[in-house]
């Protein structure tokens, strides 16, 4: 690497090969004897360490918080949910006799309200510190969960009436339905198992209330009438 030389006599600047470092020779301009300086040692400075011990320019190993998208309830959506709830209650109360005449209509109505109920329950019970499901993915998961919930009511319809004759059987009848319902919410919405159980309980509470408005008998009145022996 060439060495920069400054003549102390005539102030001329020039470069010489590094093989002449430390040697003496005449200035090419004024012929004065000068000493060639030693080759400069170039030090490559390492990046300075930051307060956290990492180098500048190097990726930090410190975890960075994940920014969540803040959910803001759309006023139109909120109004639609409130209006839809009022409409469902009104239809169940006014058209109860008409719905009772067709099991198909009852099944369609149950499926129609199950999906929005699952969405509403999820919004109430989800962990606000975690990112949540939105849009099409939310409705897809709610659709799966709602159809399973509605299917549990269909399965309950096929429980033999003789099972309701003994009140002690109520200690066992709800267990498989509650287990399947909680497991469904746990898998579809990734809630904690406790919140998943509450999610299904919320669905049961609302559908039981609608069942009463339609005019269906209470669950504890499903037992067959006692046989009269003459």
C-alpha atoms as a PDB file:
ATOM      1  CA  UNK A   1       0.000   0.000   0.000  1.00  0.00           C
ATOM      2  CA  UNK A   2       1.567   3.399  -0.986  1.00  0.00           C
ATOM      3  CA  UNK A   3       2.753   5.652   1.838  1.00  0.00           C
ATOM      4  CA  UNK A   4       1.893   9.380   1.797  1.00  0.00           C
ATOM      5  CA  UNK A   5       5.035  11.516   2.326  1.00  0.00           C
ATOM      6  CA  UNK A   6       5.312  15.248   3.123  1.00  0.00           C
ATOM      7  CA  UNK A   7       8.696  16.899   2.526  1.00  0.00           C
ATOM      8  CA  UNK A   8       9.524  19.084   5.568  1.00  0.00           C
ATOM      9  CA  UNK A   9      11.676  21.360   3.399  1.00  0.00           C
ATOM     10  CA  UNK A  10       9.539  22.253   0.360  1.00  0.00           C
ATOM     11  CA  UNK A  11       6.220  20.926   1.645  1.00  0.00           C
ATOM     12  CA  UNK A  12       5.785  18.766  -1.451  1.00  0.00           C
ATOM     13  CA  UNK A  13       3.457  15.785  -1.129  1.00  0.00           C
ATOM     14  CA  UNK A  14       3.950  12.496  -2.904  1.00  0.00           C
ATOM     15  CA  UNK A  15       3.536   8.751  -2.424  1.00  0.00           C
ATOM     16  CA  UNK A  16       6.128   6.010  -2.325  1.00  0.00           C
ATOM     17  CA  UNK A  17       5.926   2.246  -2.151  1.00  0.00           C
ATOM     18  CA  UNK A  18       5.635   0.718   1.275  1.00  0.00           C
ATOM     19  CA  UNK A  19       8.914  -1.154   0.709  1.00  0.00           C
ATOM     20  CA  UNK A  20      10.743   2.154   1.381  1.00  0.00           C
ATOM     21  CA  UNK A  21       9.131   2.543   4.814  1.00  0.00           C
ATOM     22  CA  UNK A  22      11.704   3.678   7.423  1.00  0.00           C
ATOM     23  CA  UNK A  23      14.380   4.452   4.810  1.00  0.00           C
ATOM     24  CA  UNK A  24      15.941   7.778   3.789  1.00  0.00           C
ATOM     25  CA  UNK A  25      16.110   9.296   0.322  1.00  0.00           C
ATOM     26  CA  UNK A  26      16.130  12.570  -1.623  1.00  0.00           C
ATOM     27  CA  UNK A  27      12.967  14.588  -2.160  1.00  0.00           C
ATOM     28  CA  UNK A  28      12.115  14.356  -5.872  1.00  0.00           C
ATOM     29  CA  UNK A  29      11.475  18.110  -5.951  1.00  0.00           C
ATOM     30  CA  UNK A  30      14.068  19.846  -3.748  1.00  0.00           C
ATOM     31  CA  UNK A  31      16.485  16.914  -3.355  1.00  0.00           C
ATOM     32  CA  UNK A  32      16.550  17.368   0.427  1.00  0.00           C
ATOM     33  CA  UNK A  33      17.078  14.158   2.395  1.00  0.00           C
ATOM     34  CA  UNK A  34      13.885  12.935   4.008  1.00  0.00           C
ATOM     35  CA  UNK A  35      12.946   9.889   6.014  1.00  0.00           C
ATOM     36  CA  UNK A  36      10.046   7.797   4.736  1.00  0.00           C
ATOM     37  CA  UNK A  37       7.612   7.166   7.628  1.00  0.00           C
ATOM     38  CA  UNK A  38       6.555   3.707   8.636  1.00  0.00           C
ATOM     39  CA  UNK A  39       3.457   2.326   6.963  1.00  0.00           C
ATOM     40  CA  UNK A  40       0.308   3.432   8.726  1.00  0.00           C
ATOM     41  CA  UNK A  41      -1.528   0.759  10.629  1.00  0.00           C
ATOM     42  CA  UNK A  42      -5.139   0.894   9.678  1.00  0.00           C
ATOM     43  CA  UNK A  43      -7.407  -0.280  12.457  1.00  0.00           C
ATOM     44  CA  UNK A  44     -10.862  -1.430  11.596  1.00  0.00           C
ATOM     45  CA  UNK A  45     -12.992  -0.440  14.512  1.00  0.00           C
ATOM     46  CA  UNK A  46     -15.596  -2.913  15.627  1.00  0.00           C
ATOM     47  CA  UNK A  47     -19.115  -1.563  15.970  1.00  0.00           C
ATOM     48  CA  UNK A  48     -19.728  -0.027  19.319  1.00  0.00           C
ATOM     49  CA  UNK A  49     -21.757  -2.025  21.727  1.00  0.00           C
ATOM     50  CA  UNK A  50     -25.097  -0.704  22.788  1.00  0.00           C
ATOM     51  CA  UNK A  51     -26.287  -0.595  26.347  1.00  0.00           C
ATOM     52  CA  UNK A  52     -27.853  -4.011  25.907  1.00  0.00           C
ATOM     53  CA  UNK A  53     -24.602  -5.614  24.769  1.00  0.00           C
ATOM     54  CA  UNK A  54     -25.440  -5.938  21.091  1.00  0.00           C
ATOM     55  CA  UNK A  55     -23.385  -4.486  18.221  1.00  0.00           C
ATOM     56  CA  UNK A  56     -24.593  -1.688  16.048  1.00  0.00           C
ATOM     57  CA  UNK A  57     -26.021  -3.014  12.861  1.00  0.00           C
ATOM     58  CA  UNK A  58     -26.378  -6.522  14.259  1.00  0.00           C
ATOM     59  CA  UNK A  59     -29.833  -7.959  14.834  1.00  0.00           C
ATOM     60  CA  UNK A  60     -30.938  -7.769  18.426  1.00  0.00           C
ATOM     61  CA  UNK A  61     -31.952 -10.896  20.265  1.00  0.00           C
ATOM     62  CA  UNK A  62     -34.263  -8.942  22.514  1.00  0.00           C
ATOM     63  CA  UNK A  63     -37.892  -9.945  21.996  1.00  0.00           C
ATOM     64  CA  UNK A  64     -40.057  -7.283  20.457  1.00  0.00           C
ATOM     65  CA  UNK A  65     -43.715  -6.925  21.348  1.00  0.00           C
ATOM     66  CA  UNK A  66     -46.180  -8.027  18.706  1.00  0.00           C
ATOM     67  CA  UNK A  67     -48.530  -5.241  17.878  1.00  0.00           C
ATOM     68  CA  UNK A  68     -52.137  -6.322  17.941  1.00  0.00           C
ATOM     69  CA  UNK A  69     -54.772  -4.794  15.791  1.00  0.00           C
ATOM     70  CA  UNK A  70     -57.117  -2.951  18.077  1.00  0.00           C
ATOM     71  CA  UNK A  71     -60.662  -4.111  17.535  1.00  0.00           C
ATOM     72  CA  UNK A  72     -63.193  -1.350  17.235  1.00  0.00           C
ATOM     73  CA  UNK A  73     -66.818  -2.383  17.085  1.00  0.00           C
ATOM     74  CA  UNK A  74     -68.461  -1.156  13.926  1.00  0.00           C
ATOM     75  CA  UNK A  75     -71.568   0.861  14.888  1.00  0.00           C
ATOM     76  CA  UNK A  76     -73.452  -0.618  11.948  1.00  0.00           C
ATOM     77  CA  UNK A  77     -72.510  -4.136  13.057  1.00  0.00           C
ATOM     78  CA  UNK A  78     -73.489  -3.389  16.659  1.00  0.00           C
ATOM     79  CA  UNK A  79     -76.837  -1.994  15.565  1.00  0.00           C
ATOM     80  CA  UNK A  80     -77.378  -5.035  13.361  1.00  0.00           C
ATOM     81  CA  UNK A  81     -76.667  -7.405  16.255  1.00  0.00           C
ATOM     82  CA  UNK A  82     -79.065  -5.574  18.572  1.00  0.00           C
ATOM     83  CA  UNK A  83     -81.738  -5.350  15.895  1.00  0.00           C
ATOM     84  CA  UNK A  84     -81.287  -9.002  14.983  1.00  0.00           C
ATOM     85  CA  UNK A  85     -81.653 -10.044  18.624  1.00  0.00           C
ATOM     86  CA  UNK A  86     -84.885  -8.095  18.970  1.00  0.00           C
ATOM     87  CA  UNK A  87     -86.178  -9.580  15.727  1.00  0.00           C
ATOM     88  CA  UNK A  88     -85.392 -13.133  16.839  1.00  0.00           C
ATOM     89  CA  UNK A  89     -87.200 -12.627  20.153  1.00  0.00           C
ATOM     90  CA  UNK A  90     -90.182 -11.073  18.366  1.00  0.00           C
ATOM     91  CA  UNK A  91     -90.419 -13.904  15.826  1.00  0.00           C
ATOM     92  CA  UNK A  92     -90.078 -16.552  18.545  1.00  0.00           C
ATOM     93  CA  UNK A  93     -92.858 -14.940  20.549  1.00  0.00           C
ATOM     94  CA  UNK A  94     -95.292 -14.103  17.730  1.00  0.00           C
ATOM     95  CA  UNK A  95     -94.712 -17.039  15.369  1.00  0.00           C
ATOM     96  CA  UNK A  96     -94.243 -19.697  18.019  1.00  0.00           C
ATOM     97  CA  UNK A  97     -97.362 -21.664  17.094  1.00  0.00           C
ATOM     98  CA  UNK A  98     -96.432 -21.586  13.413  1.00  0.00           C
ATOM     99  CA  UNK A  99     -92.892 -22.805  14.126  1.00  0.00           C
ATOM    100  CA  UNK A 100     -94.151 -25.615  16.341  1.00  0.00           C
ATOM    101  CA  UNK A 101     -96.032 -27.035  13.390  1.00  0.00           C
ATOM    102  CA  UNK A 102     -92.842 -27.791  11.467  1.00  0.00           C
ATOM    103  CA  UNK A 103     -89.726 -29.436  12.833  1.00  0.00           C
ATOM    104  CA  UNK A 104     -87.885 -28.369   9.674  1.00  0.00           C
ATOM    105  CA  UNK A 105     -88.568 -24.702  10.417  1.00  0.00           C
ATOM    106  CA  UNK A 106     -87.412 -25.173  13.997  1.00  0.00           C
ATOM    107  CA  UNK A 107     -84.183 -26.759  12.753  1.00  0.00           C
ATOM    108  CA  UNK A 108     -83.572 -23.959  10.247  1.00  0.00           C
ATOM    109  CA  UNK A 109     -84.266 -21.315  12.881  1.00  0.00           C
ATOM    110  CA  UNK A 110     -81.951 -23.024  15.350  1.00  0.00           C
ATOM    111  CA  UNK A 111     -79.126 -23.185  12.810  1.00  0.00           C
ATOM    112  CA  UNK A 112     -79.690 -19.534  11.839  1.00  0.00           C
ATOM    113  CA  UNK A 113     -79.321 -18.209  15.380  1.00  0.00           C
ATOM    114  CA  UNK A 114     -76.555 -20.599  16.465  1.00  0.00           C
ATOM    115  CA  UNK A 115     -73.808 -19.005  14.361  1.00  0.00           C
ATOM    116  CA  UNK A 116     -74.374 -15.384  15.529  1.00  0.00           C
ATOM    117  CA  UNK A 117     -74.632 -16.638  19.111  1.00  0.00           C
ATOM    118  CA  UNK A 118     -71.229 -18.292  18.769  1.00  0.00           C
ATOM    119  CA  UNK A 119     -69.720 -15.059  17.449  1.00  0.00           C
ATOM    120  CA  UNK A 120     -71.238 -13.038  20.289  1.00  0.00           C
ATOM    121  CA  UNK A 121     -70.053 -15.498  22.924  1.00  0.00           C
ATOM    122  CA  UNK A 122     -66.549 -15.476  21.473  1.00  0.00           C
ATOM    123  CA  UNK A 123     -66.357 -11.671  21.562  1.00  0.00           C
ATOM    124  CA  UNK A 124     -67.334 -11.710  25.239  1.00  0.00           C
ATOM    125  CA  UNK A 125     -65.018 -14.512  26.369  1.00  0.00           C
ATOM    126  CA  UNK A 126     -61.898 -14.135  24.192  1.00  0.00           C
ATOM    127  CA  UNK A 127     -58.621 -12.988  25.769  1.00  0.00           C
ATOM    128  CA  UNK A 128     -58.257  -9.268  24.984  1.00  0.00           C
ATOM    129  CA  UNK A 129     -54.456  -9.535  25.302  1.00  0.00           C
ATOM    130  CA  UNK A 130     -54.261 -11.906  22.331  1.00  0.00           C
ATOM    131  CA  UNK A 131     -54.977 -11.313  18.692  1.00  0.00           C
ATOM    132  CA  UNK A 132     -58.456 -12.486  17.777  1.00  0.00           C
ATOM    133  CA  UNK A 133     -60.158 -14.043  14.784  1.00  0.00           C
ATOM    134  CA  UNK A 134     -61.785 -11.600  12.401  1.00  0.00           C
ATOM    135  CA  UNK A 135     -63.686 -11.570   9.154  1.00  0.00           C
ATOM    136  CA  UNK A 136     -64.227 -14.715   7.148  1.00  0.00           C
ATOM    137  CA  UNK A 137     -62.100 -16.871   9.454  1.00  0.00           C
ATOM    138  CA  UNK A 138     -64.207 -15.904  12.469  1.00  0.00           C
ATOM    139  CA  UNK A 139     -67.475 -16.693  10.697  1.00  0.00           C
ATOM    140  CA  UNK A 140     -66.108 -19.974   9.371  1.00  0.00           C
ATOM    141  CA  UNK A 141     -65.130 -21.081  12.873  1.00  0.00           C
ATOM    142  CA  UNK A 142     -68.445 -19.821  14.251  1.00  0.00           C
ATOM    143  CA  UNK A 143     -70.260 -21.749  11.527  1.00  0.00           C
ATOM    144  CA  UNK A 144     -68.555 -24.993  12.503  1.00  0.00           C
ATOM    145  CA  UNK A 145     -69.161 -24.388  16.203  1.00  0.00           C
ATOM    146  CA  UNK A 146     -72.779 -23.293  15.686  1.00  0.00           C
ATOM    147  CA  UNK A 147     -73.666 -26.316  13.592  1.00  0.00           C
ATOM    148  CA  UNK A 148     -72.180 -28.646  16.208  1.00  0.00           C
ATOM    149  CA  UNK A 149     -74.139 -26.848  18.929  1.00  0.00           C
ATOM    150  CA  UNK A 150     -77.340 -27.166  16.906  1.00  0.00           C
ATOM    151  CA  UNK A 151     -76.533 -30.825  16.283  1.00  0.00           C
ATOM    152  CA  UNK A 152     -76.357 -31.369  20.035  1.00  0.00           C
ATOM    153  CA  UNK A 153     -79.961 -30.173  20.314  1.00  0.00           C
ATOM    154  CA  UNK A 154     -80.899 -32.623  17.576  1.00  0.00           C
ATOM    155  CA  UNK A 155     -79.113 -35.373  19.483  1.00  0.00           C
ATOM    156  CA  UNK A 156     -80.943 -34.384  22.658  1.00  0.00           C
ATOM    157  CA  UNK A 157     -84.234 -34.850  20.808  1.00  0.00           C
ATOM    158  CA  UNK A 158     -83.410 -38.533  20.362  1.00  0.00           C
ATOM    159  CA  UNK A 159     -82.801 -39.186  24.059  1.00  0.00           C
ATOM    160  CA  UNK A 160     -85.493 -41.708  25.096  1.00  0.00           C
ATOM    161  CA  UNK A 161     -88.333 -40.207  27.123  1.00  0.00           C
ATOM    162  CA  UNK A 162     -87.894 -42.932  29.691  1.00  0.00           C
ATOM    163  CA  UNK A 163     -84.585 -41.307  30.672  1.00  0.00           C
ATOM    164  CA  UNK A 164     -86.489 -38.280  31.982  1.00  0.00           C
ATOM    165  CA  UNK A 165     -88.793 -40.317  34.212  1.00  0.00           C
ATOM    166  CA  UNK A 166     -86.220 -40.431  36.997  1.00  0.00           C
ATOM    167  CA  UNK A 167     -85.036 -37.022  38.176  1.00  0.00           C
ATOM    168  CA  UNK A 168     -81.699 -38.495  39.238  1.00  0.00           C
ATOM    169  CA  UNK A 169     -80.899 -39.130  35.595  1.00  0.00           C
ATOM    170  CA  UNK A 170     -80.488 -35.382  35.150  1.00  0.00           C
ATOM    171  CA  UNK A 171     -77.157 -35.751  36.921  1.00  0.00           C
ATOM    172  CA  UNK A 172     -75.874 -37.740  33.943  1.00  0.00           C
ATOM    173  CA  UNK A 173     -77.887 -36.668  30.870  1.00  0.00           C
ATOM    174  CA  UNK A 174     -76.226 -33.237  30.430  1.00  0.00           C
ATOM    175  CA  UNK A 175     -72.657 -34.510  30.911  1.00  0.00           C
ATOM    176  CA  UNK A 176     -71.907 -35.749  27.359  1.00  0.00           C
ATOM    177  CA  UNK A 177     -73.597 -32.701  25.796  1.00  0.00           C
ATOM    178  CA  UNK A 178     -71.642 -30.273  27.979  1.00  0.00           C
ATOM    179  CA  UNK A 179     -68.393 -32.116  27.287  1.00  0.00           C
ATOM    180  CA  UNK A 180     -68.867 -32.103  23.511  1.00  0.00           C
ATOM    181  CA  UNK A 181     -70.010 -28.471  23.511  1.00  0.00           C
ATOM    182  CA  UNK A 182     -67.066 -27.248  25.580  1.00  0.00           C
ATOM    183  CA  UNK A 183     -64.609 -29.270  23.490  1.00  0.00           C
ATOM    184  CA  UNK A 184     -66.074 -27.790  20.304  1.00  0.00           C
ATOM    185  CA  UNK A 185     -65.586 -24.198  21.500  1.00  0.00           C
ATOM    186  CA  UNK A 186     -62.115 -25.107  22.761  1.00  0.00           C
ATOM    187  CA  UNK A 187     -61.032 -26.413  19.355  1.00  0.00           C
ATOM    188  CA  UNK A 188     -62.747 -23.894  17.086  1.00  0.00           C
ATOM    189  CA  UNK A 189     -62.027 -20.663  18.979  1.00  0.00           C
ATOM    190  CA  UNK A 190     -58.928 -21.745  20.964  1.00  0.00           C
ATOM    191  CA  UNK A 191     -60.449 -20.518  24.207  1.00  0.00           C
ATOM    192  CA  UNK A 192     -59.329 -21.846  27.557  1.00  0.00           C
ATOM    193  CA  UNK A 193     -61.358 -24.913  28.470  1.00  0.00           C
ATOM    194  CA  UNK A 194     -63.115 -22.997  31.259  1.00  0.00           C
ATOM    195  CA  UNK A 195     -64.155 -20.218  28.879  1.00  0.00           C
ATOM    196  CA  UNK A 196     -65.115 -22.819  26.282  1.00  0.00           C
ATOM    197  CA  UNK A 197     -67.507 -24.397  28.797  1.00  0.00           C
ATOM    198  CA  UNK A 198     -68.950 -20.960  29.601  1.00  0.00           C
ATOM    199  CA  UNK A 199     -69.311 -20.316  25.853  1.00  0.00           C
ATOM    200  CA  UNK A 200     -71.505 -23.386  25.454  1.00  0.00           C
ATOM    201  CA  UNK A 201     -73.403 -22.550  28.651  1.00  0.00           C
ATOM    202  CA  UNK A 202     -74.133 -19.078  27.232  1.00  0.00           C
ATOM    203  CA  UNK A 203     -75.483 -20.697  24.070  1.00  0.00           C
ATOM    204  CA  UNK A 204     -77.642 -23.070  26.122  1.00  0.00           C
ATOM    205  CA  UNK A 205     -79.065 -20.231  28.215  1.00  0.00           C
ATOM    206  CA  UNK A 206     -80.116 -18.198  25.164  1.00  0.00           C
ATOM    207  CA  UNK A 207     -81.556 -21.157  23.261  1.00  0.00           C
ATOM    208  CA  UNK A 208     -83.457 -22.356  26.331  1.00  0.00           C
ATOM    209  CA  UNK A 209     -84.999 -18.882  26.639  1.00  0.00           C
ATOM    210  CA  UNK A 210     -85.978 -18.933  22.959  1.00  0.00           C
ATOM    211  CA  UNK A 211     -87.334 -22.435  23.392  1.00  0.00           C
ATOM    212  CA  UNK A 212     -89.617 -21.127  26.140  1.00  0.00           C
ATOM    213  CA  UNK A 213     -90.732 -18.169  23.973  1.00  0.00           C
ATOM    214  CA  UNK A 214     -91.632 -20.475  21.096  1.00  0.00           C
ATOM    215  CA  UNK A 215     -93.794 -22.556  23.417  1.00  0.00           C
ATOM    216  CA  UNK A 216     -91.817 -25.765  23.716  1.00  0.00           C
ATOM    217  CA  UNK A 217     -92.107 -27.557  27.067  1.00  0.00           C
ATOM    218  CA  UNK A 218     -89.461 -27.035  29.696  1.00  0.00           C
ATOM    219  CA  UNK A 219     -86.823 -29.733  29.863  1.00  0.00           C
ATOM    220  CA  UNK A 220     -87.981 -30.883  33.273  1.00  0.00           C
ATOM    221  CA  UNK A 221     -91.454 -31.505  31.799  1.00  0.00           C
ATOM    222  CA  UNK A 222     -90.240 -33.946  29.155  1.00  0.00           C
ATOM    223  CA  UNK A 223     -90.950 -37.008  31.263  1.00  0.00           C
ATOM    224  CA  UNK A 224     -93.795 -39.170  29.920  1.00  0.00           C
ATOM    225  CA  UNK A 225     -97.039 -39.051  31.914  1.00  0.00           C
ATOM    226  CA  UNK A 226     -97.303 -41.729  34.575  1.00  0.00           C
ATOM    227  CA  UNK A 227     -99.105 -44.876  33.555  1.00  0.00           C
ATOM    228  CA  UNK A 228    -102.500 -45.210  35.243  1.00  0.00           C
ATOM    229  CA  UNK A 229    -103.302 -48.696  36.411  1.00  0.00           C
ATOM    230  CA  UNK A 230    -107.038 -49.382  36.573  1.00  0.00           C
END
